[in-house]
Protein backbone atom coordinates (compact mmCIF):
# COMPACT_ATOMS: atom_id res chain seq x y z
CA MET A 1 0.00 0.00 0.00
CA ASN A 2 1.31 3.45 -0.93
CA SER A 3 1.69 6.05 1.79
CA ARG A 4 0.22 9.53 1.50
CA ARG A 5 3.72 10.95 0.96
CA GLN A 6 4.38 8.50 -1.90
CA PHE A 7 1.03 9.41 -3.45
CA LEU A 8 1.78 13.15 -3.28
CA THR A 9 5.31 12.64 -4.67
CA ALA A 10 3.99 10.60 -7.61
CA SER A 11 1.29 13.19 -8.28
CA ALA A 12 3.83 16.03 -8.23
CA SER A 13 6.11 14.15 -10.66
CA ALA A 14 3.22 13.52 -13.02
CA LEU A 15 2.18 17.17 -12.88
CA LEU A 16 5.75 18.31 -13.60
CA ALA A 17 6.05 15.93 -16.55
CA SER A 18 2.72 17.17 -17.92
CA THR A 19 3.75 20.83 -17.49
CA VAL A 20 7.12 20.24 -19.19
CA SER A 21 5.43 18.46 -22.08
CA ARG A 22 2.96 21.32 -22.64
CA ALA A 23 5.69 23.99 -22.30
CA ASN A 24 8.03 22.25 -24.71
CA PRO A 25 6.47 21.13 -28.01
CA LYS A 26 9.42 18.84 -28.65
CA GLY A 27 8.67 17.01 -25.43
CA TYR A 28 12.29 17.06 -24.26
CA PRO A 29 12.38 15.84 -20.63
CA TYR A 30 14.07 18.80 -18.93
CA SER A 31 13.38 17.21 -15.57
CA GLU A 32 15.85 14.48 -16.56
CA PHE A 33 18.51 16.81 -17.97
CA GLU A 34 21.17 16.38 -15.27
CA GLN A 35 20.44 12.69 -14.79
CA ARG A 36 20.91 12.09 -18.50
CA ILE A 37 24.22 13.93 -18.50
CA ALA A 38 25.40 11.89 -15.51
CA ARG A 39 24.68 8.63 -17.33
CA LYS A 40 25.89 9.90 -20.73
CA ASP A 41 22.46 9.60 -22.34
CA PHE A 42 22.26 12.39 -24.93
CA ARG A 43 19.29 11.15 -26.95
CA GLY A 44 17.30 14.12 -28.21
CA MET A 45 19.67 16.65 -26.67
CA THR A 46 20.32 19.48 -29.13
CA LYS A 47 21.71 22.99 -28.82
CA ASP A 48 18.25 24.51 -28.52
CA VAL A 49 17.51 22.70 -25.23
CA LEU A 50 20.72 23.77 -23.48
CA PRO A 51 20.71 26.25 -20.60
CA THR A 52 22.34 29.54 -21.59
CA PRO A 53 24.84 31.03 -21.51
CA CYS A 54 26.92 27.90 -21.97
CA MET A 55 30.03 26.74 -23.78
CA VAL A 56 29.63 24.56 -26.86
CA VAL A 57 32.51 22.76 -28.58
CA ASP A 58 32.29 21.72 -32.21
CA ILE A 59 33.87 18.28 -31.96
CA ASP A 60 34.91 18.08 -35.62
CA MET A 61 36.74 21.41 -35.58
CA PHE A 62 38.22 20.67 -32.16
CA GLU A 63 39.65 17.33 -33.27
CA LYS A 64 41.04 18.94 -36.41
CA ASN A 65 42.87 21.50 -34.27
CA LEU A 66 44.39 18.82 -32.05
CA LYS A 67 45.54 16.81 -35.05
CA THR A 68 47.02 19.85 -36.82
CA MET A 69 49.23 20.67 -33.83
CA ALA A 70 50.16 17.05 -33.13
CA ASP A 71 51.10 16.42 -36.76
CA PHE A 72 53.25 19.56 -36.87
CA ALA A 73 55.09 18.65 -33.66
CA LYS A 74 55.96 15.22 -35.04
CA LYS A 75 57.12 16.66 -38.35
CA ALA A 76 59.20 19.58 -36.98
CA PRO A 77 60.18 17.67 -34.81
CA ILE A 78 59.52 19.25 -31.42
CA ASN A 79 57.90 17.89 -28.28
CA LEU A 80 54.43 19.09 -27.33
CA ARG A 81 53.54 19.83 -23.70
CA PRO A 82 50.31 21.85 -24.19
CA HIS A 83 49.05 24.37 -21.65
CA VAL A 84 45.78 23.49 -19.90
CA LYS A 85 45.00 26.94 -18.48
CA VAL A 86 42.86 27.52 -21.58
CA HIS A 87 40.61 24.45 -21.39
CA LYS A 88 41.02 23.33 -17.74
CA SER A 89 39.78 19.87 -18.71
CA VAL A 90 41.20 16.43 -17.95
CA ASP A 91 39.16 15.05 -20.86
CA ILE A 92 40.92 17.36 -23.31
CA ALA A 93 44.35 16.78 -21.76
CA LYS A 94 43.94 13.03 -22.22
CA ARG A 95 43.09 13.55 -25.89
CA GLN A 96 46.21 15.68 -26.35
CA VAL A 97 48.41 13.03 -24.72
CA ALA A 98 46.78 10.31 -26.84
CA LEU A 99 47.93 12.22 -29.93
CA GLY A 100 51.55 12.35 -28.76
CA ALA A 101 51.92 15.13 -26.17
CA ILE A 102 54.66 14.26 -23.65
CA GLY A 103 52.68 15.84 -20.81
CA ILE A 104 50.88 19.08 -20.10
CA THR A 105 51.70 22.56 -18.78
CA ALA A 106 49.74 24.09 -15.89
CA ALA A 107 49.50 27.63 -14.54
CA THR A 108 48.68 26.81 -10.90
CA ILE A 109 49.51 24.13 -8.38
CA ALA A 110 45.77 23.31 -8.25
CA GLU A 111 45.74 22.65 -12.01
CA SER A 112 48.88 20.54 -11.59
CA GLU A 113 47.28 18.45 -8.85
CA LEU A 114 44.10 18.06 -10.88
CA MET A 115 45.88 16.86 -14.01
CA SER A 116 48.22 14.53 -12.16
CA ASN A 117 45.35 13.05 -10.13
CA GLY A 118 43.52 12.58 -13.44
CA GLY A 119 46.30 10.28 -14.64
CA ILE A 120 48.29 12.78 -16.74
CA LYS A 121 52.05 12.29 -16.49
CA GLY A 122 54.70 14.89 -17.28
CA VAL A 123 52.96 17.90 -15.71
CA LEU A 124 55.03 21.11 -15.82
CA TRP A 125 53.92 23.88 -13.44
CA THR A 126 55.07 27.20 -14.89
CA LYS A 127 55.28 29.18 -11.63
CA GLN A 128 57.76 28.82 -8.81
CA PRO A 129 56.45 27.94 -5.33
CA GLY A 130 56.80 31.34 -3.69
CA SER A 131 54.49 30.59 -0.76
CA TYR A 132 54.91 27.77 1.74
CA ASN A 133 51.45 26.50 0.77
CA ASN A 134 52.57 26.07 -2.82
CA LEU A 135 55.99 24.77 -1.80
CA LEU A 136 54.64 22.00 0.40
CA ARG A 137 52.02 21.06 -2.19
CA ALA A 138 54.68 20.92 -4.93
CA VAL A 139 56.87 18.66 -2.80
CA ALA A 140 53.87 16.46 -1.91
CA LEU A 141 52.90 16.17 -5.58
CA THR A 142 56.49 15.26 -6.45
CA LYS A 143 56.38 12.45 -3.90
CA LYS A 144 53.12 11.19 -5.36
CA ASP A 145 54.07 11.73 -9.00
CA PRO A 146 57.85 11.75 -9.75
CA THR A 147 57.15 12.95 -13.32
CA PHE A 148 55.90 16.32 -11.98
CA MET A 149 58.15 19.30 -12.66
CA PHE A 150 58.08 22.99 -11.78
CA VAL A 151 60.19 26.11 -12.33
CA ALA A 152 62.28 28.51 -10.24
CA ASP A 153 63.90 31.86 -10.98
CA ASP A 154 65.07 32.82 -7.48
CA PHE A 155 68.00 31.64 -5.36
CA GLY A 156 65.99 31.85 -2.13
CA VAL A 157 63.20 29.72 -3.56
CA VAL A 158 65.72 27.09 -4.59
CA ASP A 159 67.05 27.01 -1.01
CA ARG A 160 63.54 26.48 0.35
CA VAL A 161 62.80 23.77 -2.22
CA GLU A 162 65.99 21.95 -1.25
CA GLU A 163 65.11 22.14 2.45
CA ALA A 164 61.52 20.95 1.98
CA ALA A 165 62.52 18.19 -0.44
CA ALA A 166 65.19 16.94 1.98
CA ALA A 167 62.64 16.80 4.80
CA ALA A 168 60.22 14.85 2.60
CA LYS A 169 62.99 12.61 1.24
CA VAL A 170 62.16 13.36 -2.40
CA LYS A 171 64.02 14.82 -5.35
CA CYS A 172 62.16 17.65 -7.09
CA ARG A 173 62.46 18.22 -10.81
CA VAL A 174 63.09 21.92 -11.50
CA ALA A 175 63.60 23.94 -14.68
CA VAL A 176 65.08 27.41 -14.38
CA SER A 177 62.73 30.11 -15.67
CA VAL A 178 64.64 32.66 -17.75
CA TYR A 179 63.64 36.00 -19.22
CA ALA A 180 62.27 35.86 -22.76
CA GLY A 181 60.80 39.31 -23.31
CA LEU A 182 57.96 39.04 -20.78
CA THR A 183 58.66 40.83 -17.49
CA ARG A 184 56.37 38.78 -15.25
CA GLN A 185 59.05 36.18 -14.43
CA GLY A 186 62.41 34.77 -15.44
CA ILE A 187 65.95 35.42 -14.20
CA ALA A 188 68.27 37.39 -16.51
CA ASN A 189 70.07 35.32 -19.10
CA GLY A 190 73.81 34.85 -19.18
CA LYS A 191 75.76 34.69 -15.92
CA PRO A 192 72.76 35.05 -13.51
CA ALA A 193 70.87 32.21 -15.20
CA LEU A 194 74.00 30.07 -15.37
CA GLU A 195 74.69 30.52 -11.65
CA LEU A 196 71.11 29.66 -10.69
CA ALA A 197 71.19 26.60 -12.93
CA GLN A 198 74.46 25.51 -11.31
CA LYS A 199 72.92 25.93 -7.86
CA VAL A 200 69.97 23.76 -8.86
CA ASP A 201 72.25 21.21 -10.48
CA SER A 202 74.43 20.92 -7.37
CA SER A 203 71.50 20.50 -4.98
CA LYS A 204 71.13 17.04 -3.45
CA HIS A 205 67.34 17.00 -3.54
CA ILE A 206 66.69 18.86 -6.80
CA SER A 207 67.20 17.63 -10.36
CA PHE A 208 68.09 20.30 -12.92
CA GLU A 209 65.85 19.68 -15.95
CA GLY A 210 66.69 22.63 -18.19
CA PHE A 211 64.99 25.95 -18.88
CA MET A 212 61.60 27.52 -19.42
CA ALA A 213 61.48 30.61 -21.62
CA TYR A 214 58.05 32.01 -22.48
CA SER A 215 58.07 34.72 -25.13
CA GLY A 216 54.59 36.01 -24.36
CA TYR A 217 54.70 39.21 -26.37
CA ALA A 218 55.78 37.38 -29.50
CA SER A 219 52.69 35.18 -29.42
CA HIS A 220 50.34 38.07 -30.22
CA THR A 221 52.65 40.08 -32.50
CA LYS A 222 50.72 40.69 -35.71
CA THR A 223 51.91 39.26 -39.03
CA PHE A 224 54.02 36.16 -39.37
CA ALA A 225 57.19 38.02 -40.36
CA ALA A 226 57.04 40.42 -37.40
CA ARG A 227 56.24 37.55 -35.04
CA LYS A 228 59.23 35.59 -36.25
CA LYS A 229 61.51 38.59 -35.76
CA LYS A 230 60.21 39.11 -32.22
CA THR A 231 60.65 35.43 -31.40
CA ALA A 232 64.26 35.48 -32.58
CA GLU A 233 64.97 38.55 -30.44
CA ASP A 234 63.29 37.18 -27.33
CA LEU A 235 65.01 33.79 -27.49
CA ALA A 236 68.52 35.03 -28.35
CA GLY A 237 69.47 35.41 -24.69
CA VAL A 238 67.99 32.03 -23.86
CA ASN A 239 70.21 30.35 -26.45
CA GLU A 240 73.20 32.19 -24.97
CA THR A 241 72.35 30.79 -21.54
CA VAL A 242 71.96 27.25 -22.86
CA ALA A 243 75.35 27.51 -24.57
CA LEU A 244 76.99 28.72 -21.33
CA CYS A 245 75.53 25.79 -19.40
CA LYS A 246 76.71 23.27 -21.93
CA LYS A 247 80.17 24.87 -21.95
CA ALA A 248 80.23 24.47 -18.17
CA GLY A 249 79.58 20.75 -18.61
CA MET A 250 75.91 20.79 -17.62
CA LYS A 251 73.23 18.71 -19.29
CA VAL A 252 70.27 20.79 -20.47
CA GLY A 253 67.30 18.50 -20.80
CA ILE A 254 64.54 20.84 -21.99
CA VAL A 255 64.04 24.36 -23.27
CA SER A 256 60.30 24.82 -22.90
CA GLY A 257 58.12 27.69 -24.11
CA GLY A 258 56.30 28.80 -27.20
CA SER A 259 52.69 29.55 -27.97
CA THR A 260 49.91 28.99 -30.48
CA GLY A 261 51.05 32.12 -32.32
CA THR A 262 54.66 30.95 -32.66
CA TYR A 263 54.28 27.17 -32.74
CA ASN A 264 55.59 26.85 -36.31
CA MET A 265 58.79 28.84 -35.71
CA ASP A 266 59.89 28.11 -32.12
CA HIS A 267 61.80 24.98 -33.09
CA GLU A 268 64.04 27.15 -35.29
CA TYR A 269 65.14 29.23 -32.29
CA GLY A 270 66.21 26.64 -29.76
CA LEU A 271 63.03 25.45 -28.05
CA THR A 272 62.75 21.70 -27.53
CA GLU A 273 59.09 21.69 -26.50
CA LEU A 274 55.94 23.74 -27.03
CA GLU A 275 53.52 24.97 -24.35
CA CYS A 276 50.77 25.99 -26.80
CA GLY A 277 47.26 26.17 -25.37
CA SER A 278 44.82 28.35 -27.32
CA TYR A 279 44.97 26.23 -30.48
CA VAL A 280 42.38 23.79 -29.13
CA PHE A 281 39.60 26.44 -29.35
CA MET A 282 41.08 29.73 -30.69
CA ASP A 283 39.67 33.03 -29.46
CA SER A 284 38.58 36.05 -31.47
CA ILE A 285 41.66 38.15 -30.65
CA TYR A 286 44.14 35.42 -31.54
CA LYS A 287 42.49 35.02 -34.92
CA GLN A 288 43.59 38.58 -35.76
CA VAL A 289 47.38 38.09 -35.47
CA GLY A 290 47.68 36.72 -39.00
CA GLY A 291 49.22 33.51 -40.20
CA LYS A 292 51.97 32.33 -42.50
CA THR A 293 49.80 32.73 -45.58
CA ASP A 294 47.47 35.53 -44.48
CA ASP A 295 48.57 38.66 -42.59
CA ALA A 296 44.99 39.57 -41.67
CA VAL A 297 43.50 36.32 -40.35
CA TYR A 298 45.13 33.40 -38.55
CA THR A 299 43.68 30.37 -40.32
CA ASP A 300 45.88 27.54 -38.99
CA PHE A 301 43.30 26.59 -36.35
CA GLU A 302 39.51 26.67 -36.32
CA SER A 303 37.26 28.56 -33.92
CA SER A 304 35.94 25.36 -32.36
CA MET A 305 34.32 26.70 -29.18
CA SER A 306 31.56 29.28 -28.74
CA VAL A 307 29.33 30.63 -26.01
CA LEU A 308 25.68 29.93 -26.74
CA THR A 309 23.37 32.77 -25.65
CA THR A 310 19.62 33.50 -25.87
CA VAL A 311 17.88 36.69 -26.96
CA ASP A 312 15.67 37.59 -23.97
CA SER A 313 14.16 40.96 -24.88
CA LYS A 314 13.69 43.29 -27.86
CA HIS A 315 12.08 46.69 -27.36
CA HIS A 316 14.57 49.24 -28.67
CA ALA A 317 15.79 50.00 -32.17
CA GLY A 318 19.05 48.39 -33.21
CA GLN A 319 19.54 46.21 -30.17
CA VAL A 320 18.41 43.11 -28.30
CA THR A 321 19.12 41.93 -24.77
CA THR A 322 20.80 38.55 -24.21
CA ASP A 323 21.76 36.47 -21.17
CA TYR A 324 25.48 36.81 -22.04
CA GLY A 325 26.49 39.49 -19.53
CA ASN A 326 29.49 40.54 -17.46
CA LYS A 327 29.39 37.45 -15.25
CA ALA A 328 29.57 35.31 -18.37
CA MET A 329 32.66 37.31 -19.44
CA ALA A 330 31.12 39.21 -22.35
CA GLN A 331 33.74 41.38 -24.08
CA LEU A 332 33.42 44.14 -26.66
CA THR A 333 35.98 42.31 -28.80
CA ASP A 334 33.90 39.10 -28.97
CA VAL A 335 32.71 38.03 -32.40
CA VAL A 336 29.25 36.69 -33.27
CA LYS A 337 29.37 33.44 -35.22
CA ASP A 338 27.91 33.64 -38.75
CA LYS A 339 26.29 37.04 -38.08
CA ALA A 340 28.90 39.68 -38.87
CA TRP A 341 26.27 42.43 -38.70
CA LEU A 342 25.90 41.93 -34.94
CA GLN A 343 28.19 43.60 -32.39
CA VAL A 344 28.57 42.34 -28.82
CA ASP A 345 28.03 44.93 -26.09
CA LYS A 346 27.58 44.92 -22.31
CA GLN A 347 24.55 45.80 -20.23
CA GLY A 348 24.98 44.28 -16.76
CA ALA A 349 25.95 41.31 -14.64
CA GLU A 350 23.47 38.90 -16.23
CA TYR A 351 22.50 41.01 -19.23
CA GLY A 352 24.31 41.47 -22.51
CA LEU A 353 23.57 43.37 -25.69
CA LEU A 354 23.73 42.67 -29.37
CA ARG A 355 23.70 45.83 -31.48
CA TRP A 356 23.42 46.45 -35.20
CA LYS A 357 23.02 49.29 -37.65
CA ASP A 358 20.83 49.65 -40.71
CA GLY A 359 20.99 46.66 -42.99
CA GLY A 360 21.18 44.04 -40.27
CA GLY A 361 19.32 40.77 -40.42
CA GLU A 362 16.26 39.75 -38.46
CA ILE A 363 16.63 38.64 -34.87
CA LYS A 364 13.85 37.97 -32.36
CA VAL A 365 13.21 36.98 -28.77
CA GLY A 366 14.08 33.33 -28.19
CA ASP A 367 16.74 33.17 -30.90
CA ARG A 368 19.98 31.41 -30.04
CA VAL A 369 23.25 33.12 -30.97
CA GLU A 370 26.78 31.71 -30.73
CA ILE A 371 29.65 34.01 -29.76
CA TYR A 372 33.41 33.52 -30.07
CA CYS A 373 35.23 34.61 -26.89
CA SER A 374 37.99 37.22 -26.81
CA ASN A 375 40.11 35.61 -24.09
CA LEU A 376 39.77 31.87 -23.55
CA ASP A 377 41.65 31.76 -20.22
CA MET A 378 39.17 34.11 -18.57
CA SER A 379 36.02 32.87 -20.28
CA THR A 380 36.46 29.17 -19.51
CA ASN A 381 36.94 30.13 -15.85
CA CYS A 382 33.27 31.24 -15.75
CA TYR A 383 31.68 27.96 -16.82
CA ASP A 384 31.31 24.46 -15.39
CA ARG A 385 31.18 22.29 -18.49
CA TYR A 386 31.60 22.02 -22.24
CA TYR A 387 28.66 20.71 -24.25
CA ILE A 388 30.20 18.72 -27.09
CA ALA A 389 28.31 19.14 -30.35
CA LYS A 390 28.31 17.36 -33.67
CA GLY A 391 26.31 19.68 -35.84
CA ASN A 392 23.26 20.58 -33.77
CA ASP A 393 23.34 17.40 -31.68
CA ILE A 394 24.97 17.20 -28.26
CA VAL A 395 27.08 14.05 -28.08
CA ASP A 396 29.00 14.49 -24.82
CA VAL A 397 29.65 16.76 -21.85
CA TRP A 398 33.11 17.43 -20.40
CA PRO A 399 33.50 19.09 -16.99
CA ILE A 400 35.68 22.20 -16.72
CA MET A 401 37.51 21.07 -13.62
CA GLY A 402 40.45 23.47 -13.30
CA ARG A 403 38.48 26.24 -11.62
CA GLY A 404 38.52 27.28 -8.00
CA GLY A 405 38.78 30.04 -5.43
CA ALA A 406 41.90 31.27 -3.67
CA ALA A 407 42.02 28.32 -1.28
CA GLN A 408 42.32 25.91 -4.19
CA ARG A 409 44.81 27.82 -6.30
């Protein structure tokens, strides 16, 4: 016999199902949305039933991007250790490794822990452990995963790493971060870098792995010729440092750096591995730096990820309101997919704008619009998952796991 509570629960479920069916002509069971995702049941799930704003990945374009980079690295040849700060996804990292990447690069100790715990070997953390929190976590991760590696550009930090590693009875793998045109980190090349490398190399509980040299300004230098010139300038000092170390009898294992913008030239200027990240999705700003065959548009990689948004209101000439607002990381430099006549604008925390001038196409309340992000690192930090699409059909969902507050960084 059913209890009164069971009867009421069953009645409420039936009412909800009936309401959903009437509200949605397609009859998609929204009440089962999360349960279906959890059990990987995507039957009937299309872009038009997704909650917005959300991130959608075109699986065909995405896989083409991964293959393009992997094929180039094998041909160059140069090792690929792609940066995960862009996608923050173990699912994507595993696909990169499956195509030949020797590991991944991470921006934070939290990302490093996440990727290593997800089964990814060869994680390189690109910041030195300046705080004791980061230091102890880096040593603990080394003990758990001996393939983990991080960088240092300070003599004092190296002393603290040696002390902590000795106490934990581990040997940390460290690459010396050297200046390559970007002032945010990196010891000066030449004698200072040589002396720091020698200190690392002589430490009992640290293994000297080589150097990291990130030429960040070169990556977004417009036109291929100008970018190549900037890369050569930024890496000249790095090559001098490597030569000094070899002359001193030291073994330099890696020279890591590079970017999506310079991937096809870095091997010519001394790098042994690439830390490219943006190529998996490509953002709207990166597409403007120009490629080897086109100074205006960078066509090597496809725009494979977009933010799906919904038009929520239309009452004023030349504009509509969307749900792609400041909290969703709307930027004035974003680009609307397949609707060049629309311009992204801001209106509030949860409200965005699409504007147009005379001659624009028709757009109405309820329309779905896809938008290419300006800065992938920041945008992916605002979302919880990628909806993987093949055409209009959703075929998978990948969690964006590398997010977190200060306590998890």
